[in-house]
Each structure stands twice: as C-alpha cells, then as structure tokens.
Amino acid sequence: MLITHDTRCSLDAVVDLVNTAPEQDGADGLAHVAALSDFVRTHNVSDVGVLSERDLADVRQVRARFAEVFADPEPRAAAATINELIAAAGTTPRLTDHDGYDWHVHYFAPGASVADHLAADCGMALAFFVVAGEQDRLRRCEAPDCRRAFVDLSRNRSRRYCDSRTCGNRLHVAAYRARRKEAAG
C-alpha cells in the first residue's frame, strides 16, 4: 500500500490523538487548551487560529470517534464512523503546497476548525486503509497493561505492540523469566 507523506502525517496525528485519551494511562493528554496547542504544533496542523475551550471539546469528540475505528474490526462499522466524521467536517478536497511541502491534498475546508481539520484529514487517511482492505492494520497494543493505538505498517502485518522497545521487550523479558523459573523448577 502506497502511503504518501501527507497521509503518513495524518496517520501519525490520528494515532497520537487517540492515544491522548485518558483510558491509556489515566491522564487526559488533552486536559487543557495548552495541550491541544502543543498537539497542533507537534503535528504541524496548518491553518489553525487561536484555540479555545470549544475547540478542545470538539477535538475530544473527534478523538472518541477515531477510537471507535481502532476498536472495531468490522470494516462496515469503521466506514460508517469515518463517513460521519468526514461528512460533518464539510470535507472540501484541495491541492496545496504550503510550508515547503510538495503538492498534497487537504480535505478540510478553508477556515475549518481544528476538529474539522483533524476529522477530515485523519478520517481520509483511515478511509484509505478501509478502501484498500487494510483496516486490520489499525490496531491496539496487545500488551495487557497498554492498549495504545498504532498502525501496523510492517510488511507481513506482524506488529503486535505499540513499541517493541517498551511493551514488546517487557513482555518478552517476562516470558523469558517465566520459562527460566519453570525450568529451574
């Protein structure tokens, strides 16, 4: 599956957005407008004006809907959620080459809110996975104490953990120690 630069940026943004939800570690990564501003800055979300409490509430609602897409293995349900998000955002595809990036497509309307921007661009990035029959690559970490969202871009679709250096390594070490303990008897 070919993933363009702008689609990859949107995928990174939607994964990070879903992972700000409080169910991940108990703390809301978007607890206040300043955190939303940091998120927008980190992900180079363009055409965003001064952010408000309303923007924060709207982005949290979009985040919850995106979490549904990662939670539901059924393509029809994911497609319905994505369709609702991008329709509500007033999707208006347009070509742009801003900030030193080559030509790419933005799906949000000019002057759209940050929530609509994320719903449109991130929703379209997820839609490409559903259309390509690759929705199973939209996953949650299999570590019992994690559940962070990620996109499995491995060639053989074998990625199981959000980060192999943390969750994956921790579980592999625990399994190794359990085997050693059992063998020692």
C-alpha atoms as a PDB file:
ATOM      1  CA  MET A   1       0.000   0.000   0.000  1.00  0.00           C
ATOM      2  CA  LEU A   2       1.462   3.347  -1.036  1.00  0.00           C
ATOM      3  CA  ILE A   3       1.329   5.880   1.763  1.00  0.00           C
ATOM      4  CA  THR A   4       2.094   9.448   0.776  1.00  0.00           C
ATOM      5  CA  HIS A   5       3.815  11.913   3.096  1.00  0.00           C
ATOM      6  CA  ASP A   6       0.607  13.774   3.948  1.00  0.00           C
ATOM      7  CA  THR A   7      -1.275  10.530   4.604  1.00  0.00           C
ATOM      8  CA  ARG A   8       1.539   9.382   6.886  1.00  0.00           C
ATOM      9  CA  CYS A   9       1.409  12.684   8.771  1.00  0.00           C
ATOM     10  CA  SER A  10      -2.356  12.279   9.199  1.00  0.00           C
ATOM     11  CA  LEU A  11      -1.915   8.690  10.388  1.00  0.00           C
ATOM     12  CA  ASP A  12       0.670   9.810  12.937  1.00  0.00           C
ATOM     13  CA  ALA A  13      -1.686  12.559  14.088  1.00  0.00           C
ATOM     14  CA  VAL A  14      -4.714  10.282  14.465  1.00  0.00           C
ATOM     15  CA  VAL A  15      -2.711   7.659  16.378  1.00  0.00           C
ATOM     16  CA  ASP A  16      -1.290  10.298  18.704  1.00  0.00           C
ATOM     17  CA  LEU A  17      -4.738  11.859  19.088  1.00  0.00           C
ATOM     18  CA  VAL A  18      -6.358   8.541  20.047  1.00  0.00           C
ATOM     19  CA  ASN A  19      -3.500   7.875  22.443  1.00  0.00           C
ATOM     20  CA  THR A  20      -4.188  11.108  24.342  1.00  0.00           C
ATOM     21  CA  ALA A  21      -7.422   9.600  25.681  1.00  0.00           C
ATOM     22  CA  PRO A  22      -7.496   9.116  29.449  1.00  0.00           C
ATOM     23  CA  GLU A  23      -8.071   5.356  29.231  1.00  0.00           C
ATOM     24  CA  GLN A  24      -4.453   4.889  28.172  1.00  0.00           C
ATOM     25  CA  ASP A  25      -2.764   5.818  31.447  1.00  0.00           C
ATOM     26  CA  GLY A  26      -5.435   7.616  33.414  1.00  0.00           C
ATOM     27  CA  ALA A  27      -4.354  11.118  32.382  1.00  0.00           C
ATOM     28  CA  ASP A  28      -6.006  13.030  29.548  1.00  0.00           C
ATOM     29  CA  GLY A  29      -3.313  14.126  27.111  1.00  0.00           C
ATOM     30  CA  LEU A  30      -5.679  16.902  26.055  1.00  0.00           C
ATOM     31  CA  ALA A  31      -6.554  18.145  29.522  1.00  0.00           C
ATOM     32  CA  HIS A  32      -6.473  21.815  28.546  1.00  0.00           C
ATOM     33  CA  VAL A  33      -6.203  24.166  25.582  1.00  0.00           C
ATOM     34  CA  ALA A  34      -2.425  24.451  26.004  1.00  0.00           C
ATOM     35  CA  ALA A  35      -2.122  20.678  25.487  1.00  0.00           C
ATOM     36  CA  LEU A  36      -4.198  20.979  22.314  1.00  0.00           C
ATOM     37  CA  SER A  37      -1.921  23.805  21.170  1.00  0.00           C
ATOM     38  CA  ASP A  38       1.105  21.559  21.766  1.00  0.00           C
ATOM     39  CA  PHE A  39      -0.572  18.756  19.794  1.00  0.00           C
ATOM     40  CA  VAL A  40      -1.309  21.123  16.898  1.00  0.00           C
ATOM     41  CA  ARG A  41       2.272  22.414  16.929  1.00  0.00           C
ATOM     42  CA  THR A  42       3.801  18.919  17.200  1.00  0.00           C
ATOM     43  CA  HIS A  43       1.806  17.684  14.212  1.00  0.00           C
ATOM     44  CA  ASN A  44       2.199  20.856  12.148  1.00  0.00           C
ATOM     45  CA  VAL A  45      -1.557  21.212  11.804  1.00  0.00           C
ATOM     46  CA  SER A  46      -1.881  24.131   9.411  1.00  0.00           C
ATOM     47  CA  ASP A  47      -4.491  26.860   9.092  1.00  0.00           C
ATOM     48  CA  VAL A  48      -5.419  26.801  12.776  1.00  0.00           C
ATOM     49  CA  GLY A  49      -6.202  30.047  14.504  1.00  0.00           C
ATOM     50  CA  VAL A  50      -6.403  30.779  18.210  1.00  0.00           C
ATOM     51  CA  LEU A  51      -7.661  27.696  20.021  1.00  0.00           C
ATOM     52  CA  SER A  52     -10.471  27.764  22.569  1.00  0.00           C
ATOM     53  CA  GLU A  53     -12.243  25.553  25.094  1.00  0.00           C
ATOM     54  CA  ARG A  54     -14.831  24.848  22.379  1.00  0.00           C
ATOM     55  CA  ASP A  55     -12.054  23.589  20.074  1.00  0.00           C
ATOM     56  CA  LEU A  56     -10.808  21.363  22.878  1.00  0.00           C
ATOM     57  CA  ALA A  57     -14.272  19.870  23.473  1.00  0.00           C
ATOM     58  CA  ASP A  58     -14.793  19.301  19.731  1.00  0.00           C
ATOM     59  CA  VAL A  59     -11.394  17.638  19.298  1.00  0.00           C
ATOM     60  CA  ARG A  60     -12.135  15.344  22.235  1.00  0.00           C
ATOM     61  CA  GLN A  61     -15.362  14.274  20.498  1.00  0.00           C
ATOM     62  CA  VAL A  62     -13.470  13.589  17.262  1.00  0.00           C
ATOM     63  CA  ARG A  63     -10.878  11.644  19.274  1.00  0.00           C
ATOM     64  CA  ALA A  64     -13.590   9.410  20.740  1.00  0.00           C
ATOM     65  CA  ARG A  65     -14.964   8.656  17.276  1.00  0.00           C
ATOM     66  CA  PHE A  66     -11.496   7.801  15.939  1.00  0.00           C
ATOM     67  CA  ALA A  67     -11.009   5.469  18.908  1.00  0.00           C
ATOM     68  CA  GLU A  68     -14.117   3.600  17.699  1.00  0.00           C
ATOM     69  CA  VAL A  69     -12.411   2.981  14.348  1.00  0.00           C
ATOM     70  CA  PHE A  70      -9.386   1.425  16.077  1.00  0.00           C
ATOM     71  CA  ALA A  71     -11.654  -0.663  18.330  1.00  0.00           C
ATOM     72  CA  ASP A  72     -13.999  -2.091  15.705  1.00  0.00           C
ATOM     73  CA  PRO A  73     -12.638  -4.840  13.443  1.00  0.00           C
ATOM     74  CA  GLU A  74     -15.729  -4.641  11.216  1.00  0.00           C
ATOM     75  CA  PRO A  75     -14.996  -2.565   8.074  1.00  0.00           C
ATOM     76  CA  ARG A  76     -18.647  -1.580   7.625  1.00  0.00           C
ATOM     77  CA  ALA A  77     -18.810  -0.063  11.120  1.00  0.00           C
ATOM     78  CA  ALA A  78     -15.461   1.693  10.683  1.00  0.00           C
ATOM     79  CA  ALA A  79     -16.587   3.044   7.304  1.00  0.00           C
ATOM     80  CA  ALA A  80     -19.804   4.393   8.829  1.00  0.00           C
ATOM     81  CA  THR A  81     -17.880   6.185  11.584  1.00  0.00           C
ATOM     82  CA  ILE A  82     -15.330   7.599   9.148  1.00  0.00           C
ATOM     83  CA  ASN A  83     -18.096   8.714   6.763  1.00  0.00           C
ATOM     84  CA  GLU A  84     -19.887  10.520   9.591  1.00  0.00           C
ATOM     85  CA  LEU A  85     -16.686  12.276  10.658  1.00  0.00           C
ATOM     86  CA  ILE A  86     -15.657  13.484   7.217  1.00  0.00           C
ATOM     87  CA  ALA A  87     -19.216  14.500   6.250  1.00  0.00           C
ATOM     88  CA  ALA A  88     -19.659  16.510   9.465  1.00  0.00           C
ATOM     89  CA  ALA A  89     -16.316  18.206   8.798  1.00  0.00           C
ATOM     90  CA  GLY A  90     -17.578  19.579   5.486  1.00  0.00           C
ATOM     91  CA  THR A  91     -14.807  17.885   3.562  1.00  0.00           C
ATOM     92  CA  THR A  92     -13.513  20.010   0.687  1.00  0.00           C
ATOM     93  CA  PRO A  93     -10.531  18.400  -1.063  1.00  0.00           C
ATOM     94  CA  ARG A  94      -7.975  20.869  -2.407  1.00  0.00           C
ATOM     95  CA  LEU A  95      -4.386  20.758  -3.583  1.00  0.00           C
ATOM     96  CA  THR A  96      -1.791  22.738  -1.660  1.00  0.00           C
ATOM     97  CA  ASP A  97       1.996  23.084  -1.457  1.00  0.00           C
ATOM     98  CA  HIS A  98       2.464  25.091   1.721  1.00  0.00           C
ATOM     99  CA  ASP A  99       5.391  25.273   4.143  1.00  0.00           C
ATOM    100  CA  GLY A 100       7.937  23.720   1.793  1.00  0.00           C
ATOM    101  CA  TYR A 101       5.984  20.508   1.196  1.00  0.00           C
ATOM    102  CA  ASP A 102       5.333  19.261  -2.321  1.00  0.00           C
ATOM    103  CA  TRP A 103       1.800  19.150  -3.648  1.00  0.00           C
ATOM    104  CA  HIS A 104      -0.587  17.255  -1.451  1.00  0.00           C
ATOM    105  CA  VAL A 105      -4.303  17.161  -0.709  1.00  0.00           C
ATOM    106  CA  HIS A 106      -6.012  18.787   2.235  1.00  0.00           C
ATOM    107  CA  TYR A 107      -9.531  17.582   2.854  1.00  0.00           C
ATOM    108  CA  PHE A 108     -10.687  20.277   5.256  1.00  0.00           C
ATOM    109  CA  ALA A 109     -12.430  23.429   4.095  1.00  0.00           C
ATOM    110  CA  PRO A 110     -10.544  26.724   4.317  1.00  0.00           C
ATOM    111  CA  GLY A 111     -11.150  28.271   7.733  1.00  0.00           C
ATOM    112  CA  ALA A 112     -12.227  24.938   9.251  1.00  0.00           C
ATOM    113  CA  SER A 113     -11.936  24.407  12.980  1.00  0.00           C
ATOM    114  CA  VAL A 114      -9.114  22.250  14.279  1.00  0.00           C
ATOM    115  CA  ALA A 115     -11.632  19.460  14.999  1.00  0.00           C
ATOM    116  CA  ASP A 116     -12.952  19.565  11.435  1.00  0.00           C
ATOM    117  CA  HIS A 117      -9.405  19.706  10.105  1.00  0.00           C
ATOM    118  CA  LEU A 118      -8.446  16.569  12.043  1.00  0.00           C
ATOM    119  CA  ALA A 119     -11.725  14.810  11.239  1.00  0.00           C
ATOM    120  CA  ALA A 120     -11.299  15.441   7.519  1.00  0.00           C
ATOM    121  CA  ASP A 121      -7.578  14.787   7.002  1.00  0.00           C
ATOM    122  CA  CYS A 122      -7.225  11.967   9.532  1.00  0.00           C
ATOM    123  CA  GLY A 123     -10.565  10.485   8.528  1.00  0.00           C
ATOM    124  CA  MET A 124      -9.451  10.313   4.901  1.00  0.00           C
ATOM    125  CA  ALA A 125      -6.152   8.688   5.914  1.00  0.00           C
ATOM    126  CA  LEU A 126      -8.090   5.986   7.760  1.00  0.00           C
ATOM    127  CA  ALA A 127     -10.544   5.711   4.861  1.00  0.00           C
ATOM    128  CA  PHE A 128      -7.676   4.774   2.539  1.00  0.00           C
ATOM    129  CA  PHE A 129      -6.944   1.788   4.792  1.00  0.00           C
ATOM    130  CA  VAL A 130     -10.563   0.630   4.768  1.00  0.00           C
ATOM    131  CA  VAL A 131     -10.777   1.009   0.969  1.00  0.00           C
ATOM    132  CA  ALA A 132      -7.541  -0.950   0.490  1.00  0.00           C
ATOM    133  CA  GLY A 133      -8.834  -3.777   2.716  1.00  0.00           C
ATOM    134  CA  GLU A 134      -6.104  -2.956   5.238  1.00  0.00           C
ATOM    135  CA  GLN A 135      -8.227  -1.926   8.217  1.00  0.00           C
ATOM    136  CA  ASP A 136      -6.722  -4.776  10.224  1.00  0.00           C
ATOM    137  CA  ARG A 137      -3.524  -2.699  10.315  1.00  0.00           C
ATOM    138  CA  LEU A 138      -5.289  -0.210  12.608  1.00  0.00           C
ATOM    139  CA  ARG A 139      -4.559  -1.863  15.933  1.00  0.00           C
ATOM    140  CA  ARG A 140      -4.303  -1.624  19.666  1.00  0.00           C
ATOM    141  CA  CYS A 141      -1.206  -2.768  21.543  1.00  0.00           C
ATOM    142  CA  GLU A 142      -1.517  -6.361  22.760  1.00  0.00           C
ATOM    143  CA  ALA A 143       0.372  -5.702  25.988  1.00  0.00           C
ATOM    144  CA  PRO A 144      -2.164  -6.324  28.770  1.00  0.00           C
ATOM    145  CA  ASP A 145      -1.357  -3.054  30.533  1.00  0.00           C
ATOM    146  CA  CYS A 146      -1.223  -0.840  27.436  1.00  0.00           C
ATOM    147  CA  ARG A 147      -3.844  -0.728  24.631  1.00  0.00           C
ATOM    148  CA  ARG A 148      -2.286   2.249  22.816  1.00  0.00           C
ATOM    149  CA  ALA A 149      -3.345   2.651  19.189  1.00  0.00           C
ATOM    150  CA  PHE A 150      -0.892   2.184  16.321  1.00  0.00           C
ATOM    151  CA  VAL A 151      -0.830   1.483  12.594  1.00  0.00           C
ATOM    152  CA  ASP A 152       0.955  -1.724  11.655  1.00  0.00           C
ATOM    153  CA  LEU A 153       2.997  -0.819   8.597  1.00  0.00           C
ATOM    154  CA  SER A 154       5.163  -3.938   8.796  1.00  0.00           C
ATOM    155  CA  ARG A 155       5.463  -5.891   5.586  1.00  0.00           C
ATOM    156  CA  ASN A 156       3.899  -9.059   6.974  1.00  0.00           C
ATOM    157  CA  ARG A 157       1.367  -7.415   9.316  1.00  0.00           C
ATOM    158  CA  SER A 158       3.037  -8.955  12.345  1.00  0.00           C
ATOM    159  CA  ARG A 159       3.408  -5.990  14.674  1.00  0.00           C
ATOM    160  CA  ARG A 160       1.669  -6.639  17.984  1.00  0.00           C
ATOM    161  CA  TYR A 161       2.898  -3.853  20.250  1.00  0.00           C
ATOM    162  CA  CYS A 162       2.796  -0.076  20.067  1.00  0.00           C
ATOM    163  CA  ASP A 163       6.542  -0.030  20.675  1.00  0.00           C
ATOM    164  CA  SER A 164       8.725  -3.116  20.513  1.00  0.00           C
ATOM    165  CA  ARG A 165      11.359  -1.471  22.732  1.00  0.00           C
ATOM    166  CA  THR A 166       8.961  -0.934  25.609  1.00  0.00           C
ATOM    167  CA  CYS A 167       5.809  -3.064  25.556  1.00  0.00           C
ATOM    168  CA  GLY A 168       7.198  -5.798  23.334  1.00  0.00           C
ATOM    169  CA  ASN A 169      10.516  -6.059  25.133  1.00  0.00           C
ATOM    170  CA  ARG A 170       8.882  -6.000  28.570  1.00  0.00           C
ATOM    171  CA  LEU A 171       6.591  -8.917  27.654  1.00  0.00           C
ATOM    172  CA  HIS A 172       9.378 -10.899  26.012  1.00  0.00           C
ATOM    173  CA  VAL A 173      11.591 -10.487  29.099  1.00  0.00           C
ATOM    174  CA  ALA A 174       8.711 -11.519  31.374  1.00  0.00           C
ATOM    175  CA  ALA A 175       8.061 -14.622  29.249  1.00  0.00           C
ATOM    176  CA  TYR A 176      11.776 -15.476  29.267  1.00  0.00           C
ATOM    177  CA  ARG A 177      11.953 -15.147  33.053  1.00  0.00           C
ATOM    178  CA  ALA A 178       8.836 -17.296  33.459  1.00  0.00           C
ATOM    179  CA  ARG A 179      10.368 -20.020  31.264  1.00  0.00           C
ATOM    180  CA  ARG A 180      13.632 -19.877  33.230  1.00  0.00           C
ATOM    181  CA  LYS A 181      11.778 -20.062  36.520  1.00  0.00           C
ATOM    182  CA  GLU A 182       9.727 -23.024  35.315  1.00  0.00           C
ATOM    183  CA  ALA A 183      12.828 -24.821  34.011  1.00  0.00           C
ATOM    184  CA  ALA A 184      14.618 -24.245  37.323  1.00  0.00           C
ATOM    185  CA  GLY A 185      11.657 -25.756  38.907  1.00  0.00           C
END
